[in-house]
PDB file of N, CA and C in Angstrom:
ATOM      1  N   MET A   1       0.840  -1.188   0.000  1.00  0.00           N
ATOM      2  CA  MET A   1       0.000   0.000   0.000  1.00  0.00           C
ATOM      3  C   MET A   1       0.883   1.249   0.000  1.00  0.00           C
ATOM      4  N   VAL A   2       0.446   2.275  -0.712  1.00  0.00           N
ATOM      5  CA  VAL A   2       1.192   3.512  -0.843  1.00  0.00           C
ATOM      6  C   VAL A   2       1.086   4.334   0.443  1.00  0.00           C
ATOM      7  N   HIS A   3       2.209   4.854   0.904  1.00  0.00           N
ATOM      8  CA  HIS A   3       2.235   5.709   2.091  1.00  0.00           C
ATOM      9  C   HIS A   3       2.141   7.152   1.603  1.00  0.00           C
ATOM     10  N   LYS A   4       0.929   7.673   1.618  1.00  0.00           N
ATOM     11  CA  LYS A   4       0.680   8.999   1.046  1.00  0.00           C
ATOM     12  C   LYS A   4       1.445  10.105   1.760  1.00  0.00           C
ATOM     13  N   GLY A   5       1.521  10.028   3.073  1.00  0.00           N
ATOM     14  CA  GLY A   5       2.220  11.065   3.835  1.00  0.00           C
ATOM     15  C   GLY A   5       3.676  11.188   3.438  1.00  0.00           C
ATOM     16  N   GLU A   6       4.348  10.052   3.272  1.00  0.00           N
ATOM     17  CA  GLU A   6       5.763  10.070   2.872  1.00  0.00           C
ATOM     18  C   GLU A   6       5.934  10.642   1.469  1.00  0.00           C
ATOM     19  N   ILE A   7       5.023  10.306   0.576  1.00  0.00           N
ATOM     20  CA  ILE A   7       5.103  10.835  -0.784  1.00  0.00           C
ATOM     21  C   ILE A   7       4.911  12.347  -0.772  1.00  0.00           C
ATOM     22  N   ILE A   8       3.930  12.813  -0.024  1.00  0.00           N
ATOM     23  CA  ILE A   8       3.686  14.263   0.076  1.00  0.00           C
ATOM     24  C   ILE A   8       4.911  14.957   0.643  1.00  0.00           C
ATOM     25  N   GLN A   9       5.484  14.402   1.708  1.00  0.00           N
ATOM     26  CA  GLN A   9       6.667  14.995   2.325  1.00  0.00           C
ATOM     27  C   GLN A   9       7.825  15.059   1.331  1.00  0.00           C
ATOM     28  N   ALA A  10       8.018  14.003   0.554  1.00  0.00           N
ATOM     29  CA  ALA A  10       9.101  13.969  -0.431  1.00  0.00           C
ATOM     30  C   ALA A  10       8.902  15.049  -1.497  1.00  0.00           C
ATOM     31  N   VAL A  11       7.676  15.222  -1.945  1.00  0.00           N
ATOM     32  CA  VAL A  11       7.397  16.241  -2.963  1.00  0.00           C
ATOM     33  C   VAL A  11       7.609  17.641  -2.392  1.00  0.00           C
ATOM     34  N   VAL A  12       7.150  17.858  -1.172  1.00  0.00           N
ATOM     35  CA  VAL A  12       7.340  19.159  -0.524  1.00  0.00           C
ATOM     36  C   VAL A  12       8.829  19.473  -0.432  1.00  0.00           C
ATOM     37  N   LYS A  13       9.609  18.493  -0.021  1.00  0.00           N
ATOM     38  CA  LYS A  13      11.054  18.667   0.088  1.00  0.00           C
ATOM     39  C   LYS A  13      11.672  18.916  -1.289  1.00  0.00           C
ATOM     40  N   GLU A  14      11.232  18.137  -2.276  1.00  0.00           N
ATOM     41  CA  GLU A  14      11.740  18.268  -3.643  1.00  0.00           C
ATOM     42  C   GLU A  14      11.453  19.657  -4.217  1.00  0.00           C
ATOM     43  N   LYS A  15      10.277  20.200  -3.882  1.00  0.00           N
ATOM     44  CA  LYS A  15       9.896  21.531  -4.363  1.00  0.00           C
ATOM     45  C   LYS A  15      10.610  22.651  -3.603  1.00  0.00           C
ATOM     46  N   GLY A  16      11.274  22.306  -2.509  1.00  0.00           N
ATOM     47  CA  GLY A  16      12.019  23.298  -1.737  1.00  0.00           C
ATOM     48  C   GLY A  16      11.148  24.202  -0.885  1.00  0.00           C
ATOM     49  N   VAL A  17       9.967  23.733  -0.541  1.00  0.00           N
ATOM     50  CA  VAL A  17       9.046  24.518   0.289  1.00  0.00           C
ATOM     51  C   VAL A  17       9.299  24.170   1.747  1.00  0.00           C
ATOM     52  N   SER A  18       9.451  25.193   2.562  1.00  0.00           N
ATOM     53  CA  SER A  18       9.701  24.927   3.980  1.00  0.00           C
ATOM     54  C   SER A  18       8.418  24.471   4.666  1.00  0.00           C
ATOM     55  N   VAL A  19       8.584  23.624   5.662  1.00  0.00           N
ATOM     56  CA  VAL A  19       7.447  23.110   6.415  1.00  0.00           C
ATOM     57  C   VAL A  19       6.741  24.258   7.131  1.00  0.00           C
ATOM     58  N   THR A  20       7.515  25.212   7.618  1.00  0.00           N
ATOM     59  CA  THR A  20       6.938  26.366   8.309  1.00  0.00           C
ATOM     60  C   THR A  20       6.040  27.153   7.367  1.00  0.00           C
ATOM     61  N   HIS A  21       6.534  27.432   6.168  1.00  0.00           N
ATOM     62  CA  HIS A  21       5.750  28.187   5.188  1.00  0.00           C
ATOM     63  C   HIS A  21       4.483  27.431   4.813  1.00  0.00           C
ATOM     64  N   LEU A  22       4.615  26.144   4.545  1.00  0.00           N
ATOM     65  CA  LEU A  22       3.463  25.338   4.165  1.00  0.00           C
ATOM     66  C   LEU A  22       2.432  25.299   5.286  1.00  0.00           C
ATOM     67  N   ALA A  23       2.886  25.128   6.508  1.00  0.00           N
ATOM     68  CA  ALA A  23       1.974  25.091   7.658  1.00  0.00           C
ATOM     69  C   ALA A  23       1.227  26.425   7.786  1.00  0.00           C
ATOM     70  N   GLU A  24       1.946  27.534   7.612  1.00  0.00           N
ATOM     71  CA  GLU A  24       1.303  28.850   7.689  1.00  0.00           C
ATOM     72  C   GLU A  24       0.249  29.011   6.608  1.00  0.00           C
ATOM     73  N   GLU A  25       0.581  28.606   5.390  1.00  0.00           N
ATOM     74  CA  GLU A  25      -0.360  28.723   4.270  1.00  0.00           C
ATOM     75  C   GLU A  25      -1.600  27.858   4.481  1.00  0.00           C
ATOM     76  N   MET A  26      -1.415  26.716   5.105  1.00  0.00           N
ATOM     77  CA  MET A  26      -2.540  25.807   5.356  1.00  0.00           C
ATOM     78  C   MET A  26      -3.332  26.212   6.590  1.00  0.00           C
ATOM     79  N   GLY A  27      -2.750  27.052   7.427  1.00  0.00           N
ATOM     80  CA  GLY A  27      -3.420  27.461   8.653  1.00  0.00           C
ATOM     81  C   GLY A  27      -3.368  26.393   9.732  1.00  0.00           C
ATOM     82  N   VAL A  28      -2.272  25.604   9.727  1.00  0.00           N
ATOM     83  CA  VAL A  28      -2.094  24.557  10.736  1.00  0.00           C
ATOM     84  C   VAL A  28      -0.705  24.725  11.363  1.00  0.00           C
ATOM     85  N   SER A  29      -0.465  23.989  12.439  1.00  0.00           N
ATOM     86  CA  SER A  29       0.852  24.037  13.068  1.00  0.00           C
ATOM     87  C   SER A  29       1.823  23.134  12.312  1.00  0.00           C
ATOM     88  N   ARG A  30       3.109  23.344  12.550  1.00  0.00           N
ATOM     89  CA  ARG A  30       4.114  22.472  11.946  1.00  0.00           C
ATOM     90  C   ARG A  30       3.920  21.040  12.415  1.00  0.00           C
ATOM     91  N   GLY A  31       3.548  20.877  13.683  1.00  0.00           N
ATOM     92  CA  GLY A  31       3.305  19.542  14.235  1.00  0.00           C
ATOM     93  C   GLY A  31       2.194  18.815  13.495  1.00  0.00           C
ATOM     94  N   THR A  32       1.132  19.549  13.178  1.00  0.00           N
ATOM     95  CA  THR A  32       0.026  18.957  12.429  1.00  0.00           C
ATOM     96  C   THR A  32       0.505  18.514  11.053  1.00  0.00           C
ATOM     97  N   LEU A  33       1.326  19.338  10.436  1.00  0.00           N
ATOM     98  CA  LEU A  33       1.850  18.994   9.115  1.00  0.00           C
ATOM     99  C   LEU A  33       2.728  17.749   9.190  1.00  0.00           C
ATOM    100  N   TYR A  34       3.566  17.669  10.208  1.00  0.00           N
ATOM    101  CA  TYR A  34       4.383  16.464  10.372  1.00  0.00           C
ATOM    102  C   TYR A  34       3.515  15.234  10.631  1.00  0.00           C
ATOM    103  N   ASN A  35       2.397  15.418  11.345  1.00  0.00           N
ATOM    104  CA  ASN A  35       1.458  14.300  11.549  1.00  0.00           C
ATOM    105  C   ASN A  35       0.870  13.834  10.218  1.00  0.00           C
ATOM    106  N   ILE A  36       0.586  14.783   9.325  1.00  0.00           N
ATOM    107  CA  ILE A  36       0.081  14.431   7.990  1.00  0.00           C
ATOM    108  C   ILE A  36       1.128  13.600   7.251  1.00  0.00           C
ATOM    109  N   PHE A  37       2.399  14.012   7.372  1.00  0.00           N
ATOM    110  CA  PHE A  37       3.472  13.282   6.691  1.00  0.00           C
ATOM    111  C   PHE A  37       3.620  11.854   7.216  1.00  0.00           C
ATOM    112  N   GLU A  38       3.222  11.628   8.453  1.00  0.00           N
ATOM    113  CA  GLU A  38       3.354  10.298   9.051  1.00  0.00           C
ATOM    114  C   GLU A  38       2.173   9.377   8.731  1.00  0.00           C
ATOM    115  N   ARG A  39       1.096   9.939   8.199  1.00  0.00           N
ATOM    116  CA  ARG A  39      -0.097   9.135   7.915  1.00  0.00           C
ATOM    117  C   ARG A  39       0.058   8.297   6.651  1.00  0.00           C
ATOM    118  N   MET A  40      -0.449   7.083   6.750  1.00  0.00           N
ATOM    119  CA  MET A  40      -0.487   6.197   5.583  1.00  0.00           C
ATOM    120  C   MET A  40      -1.546   6.697   4.599  1.00  0.00           C
ATOM    121  N   GLU A  41      -2.684   7.097   5.129  1.00  0.00           N
ATOM    122  CA  GLU A  41      -3.791   7.630   4.332  1.00  0.00           C
ATOM    123  C   GLU A  41      -3.966   9.116   4.640  1.00  0.00           C
ATOM    124  N   VAL A  42      -4.086   9.913   3.590  1.00  0.00           N
ATOM    125  CA  VAL A  42      -4.323  11.346   3.725  1.00  0.00           C
ATOM    126  C   VAL A  42      -5.534  11.662   2.857  1.00  0.00           C
ATOM    127  N   ASP A  43      -6.477  12.438   3.417  1.00  0.00           N
ATOM    128  CA  ASP A  43      -7.701  12.705   2.665  1.00  0.00           C
ATOM    129  C   ASP A  43      -7.417  13.564   1.432  1.00  0.00           C
ATOM    130  N   THR A  44      -8.268  13.422   0.452  1.00  0.00           N
ATOM    131  CA  THR A  44      -8.105  14.076  -0.843  1.00  0.00           C
ATOM    132  C   THR A  44      -8.045  15.593  -0.714  1.00  0.00           C
ATOM    133  N   ASP A  45      -8.896  16.173   0.123  1.00  0.00           N
ATOM    134  CA  ASP A  45      -8.910  17.630   0.280  1.00  0.00           C
ATOM    135  C   ASP A  45      -7.562  18.151   0.761  1.00  0.00           C
ATOM    136  N   THR A  46      -6.955  17.450   1.704  1.00  0.00           N
ATOM    137  CA  THR A  46      -5.648  17.858   2.226  1.00  0.00           C
ATOM    138  C   THR A  46      -4.588  17.761   1.139  1.00  0.00           C
ATOM    139  N   ILE A  47      -4.618  16.685   0.378  1.00  0.00           N
ATOM    140  CA  ILE A  47      -3.640  16.509  -0.700  1.00  0.00           C
ATOM    141  C   ILE A  47      -3.789  17.636  -1.727  1.00  0.00           C
ATOM    142  N   LEU A  48      -5.033  17.925  -2.110  1.00  0.00           N
ATOM    143  CA  LEU A  48      -5.271  18.982  -3.099  1.00  0.00           C
ATOM    144  C   LEU A  48      -4.869  20.354  -2.570  1.00  0.00           C
ATOM    145  N   LYS A  49      -5.113  20.585  -1.284  1.00  0.00           N
ATOM    146  CA  LYS A  49      -4.742  21.874  -0.678  1.00  0.00           C
ATOM    147  C   LYS A  49      -3.228  22.051  -0.676  1.00  0.00           C
ATOM    148  N   ILE A  50      -2.512  21.014  -0.282  1.00  0.00           N
ATOM    149  CA  ILE A  50      -1.047  21.074  -0.283  1.00  0.00           C
ATOM    150  C   ILE A  50      -0.554  21.275  -1.716  1.00  0.00           C
ATOM    151  N   GLY A  51      -1.134  20.533  -2.663  1.00  0.00           N
ATOM    152  CA  GLY A  51      -0.744  20.665  -4.060  1.00  0.00           C
ATOM    153  C   GLY A  51      -0.937  22.072  -4.592  1.00  0.00           C
ATOM    154  N   ALA A  52      -2.050  22.693  -4.221  1.00  0.00           N
ATOM    155  CA  ALA A  52      -2.316  24.060  -4.672  1.00  0.00           C
ATOM    156  C   ALA A  52      -1.295  25.035  -4.098  1.00  0.00           C
ATOM    157  N   ILE A  53      -0.923  24.846  -2.852  1.00  0.00           N
ATOM    158  CA  ILE A  53       0.027  25.752  -2.200  1.00  0.00           C
ATOM    159  C   ILE A  53       1.423  25.617  -2.793  1.00  0.00           C
ATOM    160  N   ILE A  54       1.843  24.387  -3.054  1.00  0.00           N
ATOM    161  CA  ILE A  54       3.209  24.184  -3.567  1.00  0.00           C
ATOM    162  C   ILE A  54       3.261  24.108  -5.089  1.00  0.00           C
ATOM    163  N   HIS A  55       2.095  24.317  -5.726  1.00  0.00           N
ATOM    164  CA  HIS A  55       1.999  24.292  -7.195  1.00  0.00           C
ATOM    165  C   HIS A  55       2.480  22.957  -7.762  1.00  0.00           C
ATOM    166  N   TYR A  56       1.820  21.892  -7.273  1.00  0.00           N
ATOM    167  CA  TYR A  56       2.171  20.544  -7.724  1.00  0.00           C
ATOM    168  C   TYR A  56       0.889  19.739  -7.931  1.00  0.00           C
ATOM    169  N   ASP A  57       0.824  19.022  -9.029  1.00  0.00           N
ATOM    170  CA  ASP A  57      -0.322  18.180  -9.334  1.00  0.00           C
ATOM    171  C   ASP A  57      -0.065  16.771  -8.801  1.00  0.00           C
ATOM    172  N   PHE A  58      -0.668  16.469  -7.667  1.00  0.00           N
ATOM    173  CA  PHE A  58      -0.452  15.170  -7.029  1.00  0.00           C
ATOM    174  C   PHE A  58      -1.132  14.017  -7.770  1.00  0.00           C
ATOM    175  N   SER A  59      -1.892  14.314  -8.813  1.00  0.00           N
ATOM    176  CA  SER A  59      -2.524  13.220  -9.552  1.00  0.00           C
ATOM    177  C   SER A  59      -1.480  12.363 -10.265  1.00  0.00           C
ATOM    178  N   GLU A  60      -0.266  12.909 -10.414  1.00  0.00           N
ATOM    179  CA  GLU A  60       0.828  12.101 -10.972  1.00  0.00           C
ATOM    180  C   GLU A  60       1.201  10.982 -10.003  1.00  0.00           C
ATOM    181  N   LYS A  61       1.205  11.299  -8.725  1.00  0.00           N
ATOM    182  CA  LYS A  61       1.575  10.319  -7.696  1.00  0.00           C
ATOM    183  C   LYS A  61       0.374   9.479  -7.256  1.00  0.00           C
ATOM    184  N   PHE A  62      -0.816  10.100  -7.275  1.00  0.00           N
ATOM    185  CA  PHE A  62      -2.033   9.432  -6.839  1.00  0.00           C
ATOM    186  C   PHE A  62      -3.050   9.478  -7.976  1.00  0.00           C
ATOM    187  N   PRO A  63      -3.008   8.500  -8.874  1.00  0.00           N
ATOM    188  CA  PRO A  63      -3.885   8.514 -10.057  1.00  0.00           C
ATOM    189  C   PRO A  63      -5.380   8.627  -9.750  1.00  0.00           C
ATOM    190  N   LYS A  64      -5.810   8.174  -8.584  1.00  0.00           N
ATOM    191  CA  LYS A  64      -7.235   8.251  -8.243  1.00  0.00           C
ATOM    192  C   LYS A  64      -7.703   9.700  -8.093  1.00  0.00           C
ATOM    193  N   LEU A  65      -6.778  10.635  -7.884  1.00  0.00           N
ATOM    194  CA  LEU A  65      -7.159  12.044  -7.781  1.00  0.00           C
ATOM    195  C   LEU A  65      -7.715  12.561  -9.100  1.00  0.00           C
ATOM    196  N   LYS A  66      -7.289  11.982 -10.204  1.00  0.00           N
ATOM    197  CA  LYS A  66      -7.768  12.436 -11.514  1.00  0.00           C
ATOM    198  C   LYS A  66      -9.269  12.273 -11.638  1.00  0.00           C
ATOM    199  N   THR A  67      -9.802  11.234 -11.040  1.00  0.00           N
ATOM    200  CA  THR A  67     -11.249  11.011 -11.134  1.00  0.00           C
ATOM    201  C   THR A  67     -12.019  11.993 -10.275  1.00  0.00           C
ATOM    202  N   ASN A  68     -11.367  12.641  -9.313  1.00  0.00           N
ATOM    203  CA  ASN A  68     -12.046  13.593  -8.440  1.00  0.00           C
ATOM    204  C   ASN A  68     -12.069  15.004  -9.011  1.00  0.00           C
ATOM    205  N   LYS A  69     -11.341  15.218 -10.095  1.00  0.00           N
ATOM    206  CA  LYS A  69     -11.313  16.553 -10.676  1.00  0.00           C
ATOM    207  C   LYS A  69     -12.647  16.846 -11.335  1.00  0.00           C
ATOM    208  N   VAL A  70     -13.093  18.056 -11.148  1.00  0.00           N
ATOM    209  CA  VAL A  70     -14.352  18.477 -11.742  1.00  0.00           C
ATOM    210  C   VAL A  70     -14.028  19.259 -13.008  1.00  0.00           C
ATOM    211  N   GLU A  71     -14.522  18.764 -14.105  1.00  0.00           N
ATOM    212  CA  GLU A  71     -14.316  19.441 -15.377  1.00  0.00           C
ATOM    213  C   GLU A  71     -15.395  20.494 -15.541  1.00  0.00           C
ATOM    214  N   GLU A  72     -14.999  21.664 -15.991  1.00  0.00           N
ATOM    215  CA  GLU A  72     -15.971  22.709 -16.280  1.00  0.00           C
ATOM    216  C   GLU A  72     -16.704  22.339 -17.559  1.00  0.00           C
ATOM    217  N   PRO A  73     -18.014  22.399 -17.545  1.00  0.00           N
ATOM    218  CA  PRO A  73     -18.750  22.062 -18.761  1.00  0.00           C
ATOM    219  C   PRO A  73     -18.503  23.099 -19.852  1.00  0.00           C
ATOM    220  N   VAL A  74     -18.398  22.623 -21.051  1.00  0.00           N
ATOM    221  CA  VAL A  74     -18.220  23.511 -22.182  1.00  0.00           C
ATOM    222  C   VAL A  74     -19.594  23.733 -22.786  1.00  0.00           C
ATOM    223  N   GLU A  75     -20.010  25.001 -22.771  1.00  0.00           N
ATOM    224  CA  GLU A  75     -21.328  25.310 -23.296  1.00  0.00           C
ATOM    225  C   GLU A  75     -21.184  25.820 -24.721  1.00  0.00           C
ATOM    226  N   GLU A  76     -21.998  25.292 -25.570  1.00  0.00           N
ATOM    227  CA  GLU A  76     -22.017  25.765 -26.942  1.00  0.00           C
ATOM    228  C   GLU A  76     -23.325  26.499 -27.148  1.00  0.00           C
ATOM    229  N   TYR A  77     -23.215  27.685 -27.707  1.00  0.00           N
ATOM    230  CA  TYR A  77     -24.395  28.499 -27.930  1.00  0.00           C
ATOM    231  C   TYR A  77     -24.750  28.500 -29.408  1.00  0.00           C
ATOM    232  N   SER A  78     -26.029  28.416 -29.680  1.00  0.00           N
ATOM    233  CA  SER A  78     -26.477  28.489 -31.066  1.00  0.00           C
ATOM    234  C   SER A  78     -26.513  29.952 -31.489  1.00  0.00           C
ATOM    235  N   SER A  79     -26.586  30.194 -32.778  1.00  0.00           N
ATOM    236  CA  SER A  79     -26.627  31.568 -33.275  1.00  0.00           C
ATOM    237  C   SER A  79     -27.897  32.267 -32.792  1.00  0.00           C
ATOM    238  N   THR A  80     -28.968  31.507 -32.580  1.00  0.00           N
ATOM    239  CA  THR A  80     -30.212  32.090 -32.072  1.00  0.00           C
ATOM    240  C   THR A  80     -30.010  32.628 -30.659  1.00  0.00           C
ATOM    241  N   THR A  81     -29.353  31.850 -29.826  1.00  0.00           N
ATOM    242  CA  THR A  81     -29.090  32.271 -28.455  1.00  0.00           C
ATOM    243  C   THR A  81     -28.185  33.495 -28.439  1.00  0.00           C
ATOM    244  N   ILE A  82     -27.170  33.504 -29.262  1.00  0.00           N
ATOM    245  CA  ILE A  82     -26.251  34.641 -29.323  1.00  0.00           C
ATOM    246  C   ILE A  82     -26.989  35.886 -29.791  1.00  0.00           C
ATOM    247  N   ASN A  83     -27.855  35.737 -30.787  1.00  0.00           N
ATOM    248  CA  ASN A  83     -28.625  36.890 -31.272  1.00  0.00           C
ATOM    249  C   ASN A  83     -29.556  37.437 -30.205  1.00  0.00           C
ATOM    250  N   LYS A  84     -30.179  36.545 -29.430  1.00  0.00           N
ATOM    251  CA  LYS A  84     -31.053  36.989 -28.334  1.00  0.00           C
ATOM    252  C   LYS A  84     -30.247  37.763 -27.289  1.00  0.00           C
ATOM    253  N   LEU A  85     -29.054  37.273 -26.978  1.00  0.00           N
ATOM    254  CA  LEU A  85     -28.207  37.957 -26.004  1.00  0.00           C
ATOM    255  C   LEU A  85     -27.782  39.332 -26.521  1.00  0.00           C
ATOM    256  N   LYS A  86     -27.463  39.424 -27.795  1.00  0.00           N
ATOM    257  CA  LYS A  86     -27.091  40.715 -28.382  1.00  0.00           C
ATOM    258  C   LYS A  86     -28.263  41.691 -28.335  1.00  0.00           C
ATOM    259  N   GLU A  87     -29.468  41.198 -28.623  1.00  0.00           N
ATOM    260  CA  GLU A  87     -30.656  42.044 -28.557  1.00  0.00           C
ATOM    261  C   GLU A  87     -30.875  42.557 -27.135  1.00  0.00           C
ATOM    262  N   GLU A  88     -30.663  41.681 -26.167  1.00  0.00           N
ATOM    263  CA  GLU A  88     -30.832  42.079 -24.768  1.00  0.00           C
ATOM    264  C   GLU A  88     -29.809  43.140 -24.377  1.00  0.00           C
ATOM    265  N   ILE A  89     -28.587  42.980 -24.841  1.00  0.00           N
ATOM    266  CA  ILE A  89     -27.541  43.977 -24.573  1.00  0.00           C
ATOM    267  C   ILE A  89     -27.935  45.321 -25.181  1.00  0.00           C
ATOM    268  N   ASP A  90     -28.397  45.295 -26.422  1.00  0.00           N
ATOM    269  CA  ASP A  90     -28.808  46.530 -27.092  1.00  0.00           C
ATOM    270  C   ASP A  90     -29.968  47.195 -26.360  1.00  0.00           C
ATOM    271  N   TYR A  91     -30.913  46.395 -25.886  1.00  0.00           N
ATOM    272  CA  TYR A  91     -32.056  46.922 -25.146  1.00  0.00           C
ATOM    273  C   TYR A  91     -31.591  47.672 -23.888  1.00  0.00           C
ATOM    274  N   TRP A  92     -30.750  47.015 -23.109  1.00  0.00           N
ATOM    275  CA  TRP A  92     -30.307  47.629 -21.859  1.00  0.00           C
ATOM    276  C   TRP A  92     -29.374  48.819 -22.109  1.00  0.00           C
ATOM    277  N   ARG A  93     -28.593  48.766 -23.178  1.00  0.00           N
ATOM    278  CA  ARG A  93     -27.743  49.907 -23.526  1.00  0.00           C
ATOM    279  C   ARG A  93     -28.610  51.122 -23.860  1.00  0.00           C
ATOM    280  N   ALA A  94     -29.640  50.916 -24.669  1.00  0.00           N
ATOM    281  CA  ALA A  94     -30.541  52.013 -25.047  1.00  0.00           C
ATOM    282  C   ALA A  94     -31.251  52.572 -23.819  1.00  0.00           C
ATOM    283  N   LYS A  95     -31.679  51.693 -22.943  1.00  0.00           N
ATOM    284  CA  LYS A  95     -32.360  52.123 -21.715  1.00  0.00           C
ATOM    285  C   LYS A  95     -31.415  52.956 -20.837  1.00  0.00           C
ATOM    286  N   TYR A  96     -30.182  52.525 -20.717  1.00  0.00           N
ATOM    287  CA  TYR A  96     -29.189  53.252 -19.926  1.00  0.00           C
ATOM    288  C   TYR A  96     -28.932  54.641 -20.522  1.00  0.00           C
ATOM    289  N   ILE A  97     -28.773  54.705 -21.834  1.00  0.00           N
ATOM    290  CA  ILE A  97     -28.499  55.987 -22.490  1.00  0.00           C
ATOM    291  C   ILE A  97     -29.682  56.928 -22.310  1.00  0.00           C
ATOM    292  N   ALA A  98     -30.909  56.424 -22.427  1.00  0.00           N
ATOM    293  CA  ALA A  98     -32.095  57.257 -22.235  1.00  0.00           C
ATOM    294  C   ALA A  98     -32.143  57.812 -20.809  1.00  0.00           C
ATOM    295  N   LEU A  99     -31.848  56.964 -19.837  1.00  0.00           N
ATOM    296  CA  LEU A  99     -31.833  57.422 -18.438  1.00  0.00           C
ATOM    297  C   LEU A  99     -30.728  58.446 -18.198  1.00  0.00           C
ATOM    298  N   LEU A 100     -29.594  58.215 -18.805  1.00  0.00           N
ATOM    299  CA  LEU A 100     -28.471  59.142 -18.652  1.00  0.00           C
ATOM    300  C   LEU A 100     -28.807  60.504 -19.259  1.00  0.00           C
ATOM    301  N   GLU A 101     -29.442  60.506 -20.428  1.00  0.00           N
ATOM    302  CA  GLU A 101     -29.844  61.771 -21.067  1.00  0.00           C
ATOM    303  C   GLU A 101     -30.883  62.497 -20.225  1.00  0.00           C
ATOM    304  N   GLU A 102     -31.834  61.762 -19.669  1.00  0.00           N
ATOM    305  CA  GLU A 102     -32.853  62.355 -18.803  1.00  0.00           C
ATOM    306  C   GLU A 102     -32.205  62.962 -17.560  1.00  0.00           C
ATOM    307  N   HIS A 103     -31.252  62.250 -17.005  1.00  0.00           N
ATOM    308  CA  HIS A 103     -30.520  62.744 -15.825  1.00  0.00           C
ATOM    309  C   HIS A 103     -29.788  64.040 -16.156  1.00  0.00           C
ATOM    310  N   ASN A 104     -29.117  64.080 -17.301  1.00  0.00           N
ATOM    311  CA  ASN A 104     -28.387  65.276 -17.710  1.00  0.00           C
ATOM    312  C   ASN A 104     -29.322  66.462 -17.925  1.00  0.00           C
ATOM    313  N   LYS A 105     -30.525  66.225 -18.488  1.00  0.00           N
ATOM    314  CA  LYS A 105     -31.512  67.291 -18.669  1.00  0.00           C
ATOM    315  C   LYS A 105     -31.916  67.877 -17.339  1.00  0.00           C
ATOM    316  N   MET A 106     -32.137  66.983 -16.361  1.00  0.00           N
ATOM    317  CA  MET A 106     -32.560  67.433 -15.026  1.00  0.00           C
ATOM    318  C   MET A 106     -31.455  68.239 -14.344  1.00  0.00           C
ATOM    319  N   LEU A 107     -30.216  67.882 -14.587  1.00  0.00           N
ATOM    320  CA  LEU A 107     -29.109  68.609 -13.979  1.00  0.00           C
ATOM    321  C   LEU A 107     -28.989  70.020 -14.549  1.00  0.00           C
ATOM    322  N   LYS A 108     -29.323  70.186 -15.811  1.00  0.00           N
ATOM    323  CA  LYS A 108     -29.215  71.482 -16.464  1.00  0.00           C
ATOM    324  C   LYS A 108     -30.286  72.457 -15.991  1.00  0.00           C
ATOM    325  N   LYS A 109     -31.398  71.965 -15.466  1.00  0.00           N
ATOM    326  CA  LYS A 109     -32.497  72.833 -15.005  1.00  0.00           C
ATOM    327  C   LYS A 109     -32.180  73.530 -13.735  1.00  0.00           C
TER     328      LYS A 109
END
């Protein structure tokens, strides 16, 4: 079985990040961080948080993390939808300009 804590510790060391800095960024004590390094199992959120702080993708070391990534959906818009959005923009632009002109008239009085 893979010892996740040891792998995380090795990567942190390899990246040259100090334990003190990492602990501060995570909002935990150095002791807590060393406890994480000693654990055989480390929860996914902790691994991802450490990875984000040290700018490392742990899915290389822990392939199961790849399945936990959330892909942003790619939305495709039809020309009809785009045209409706453009019409809405034009409507609100015209309304804004009319209000602005009315405001300027009132200021001049």
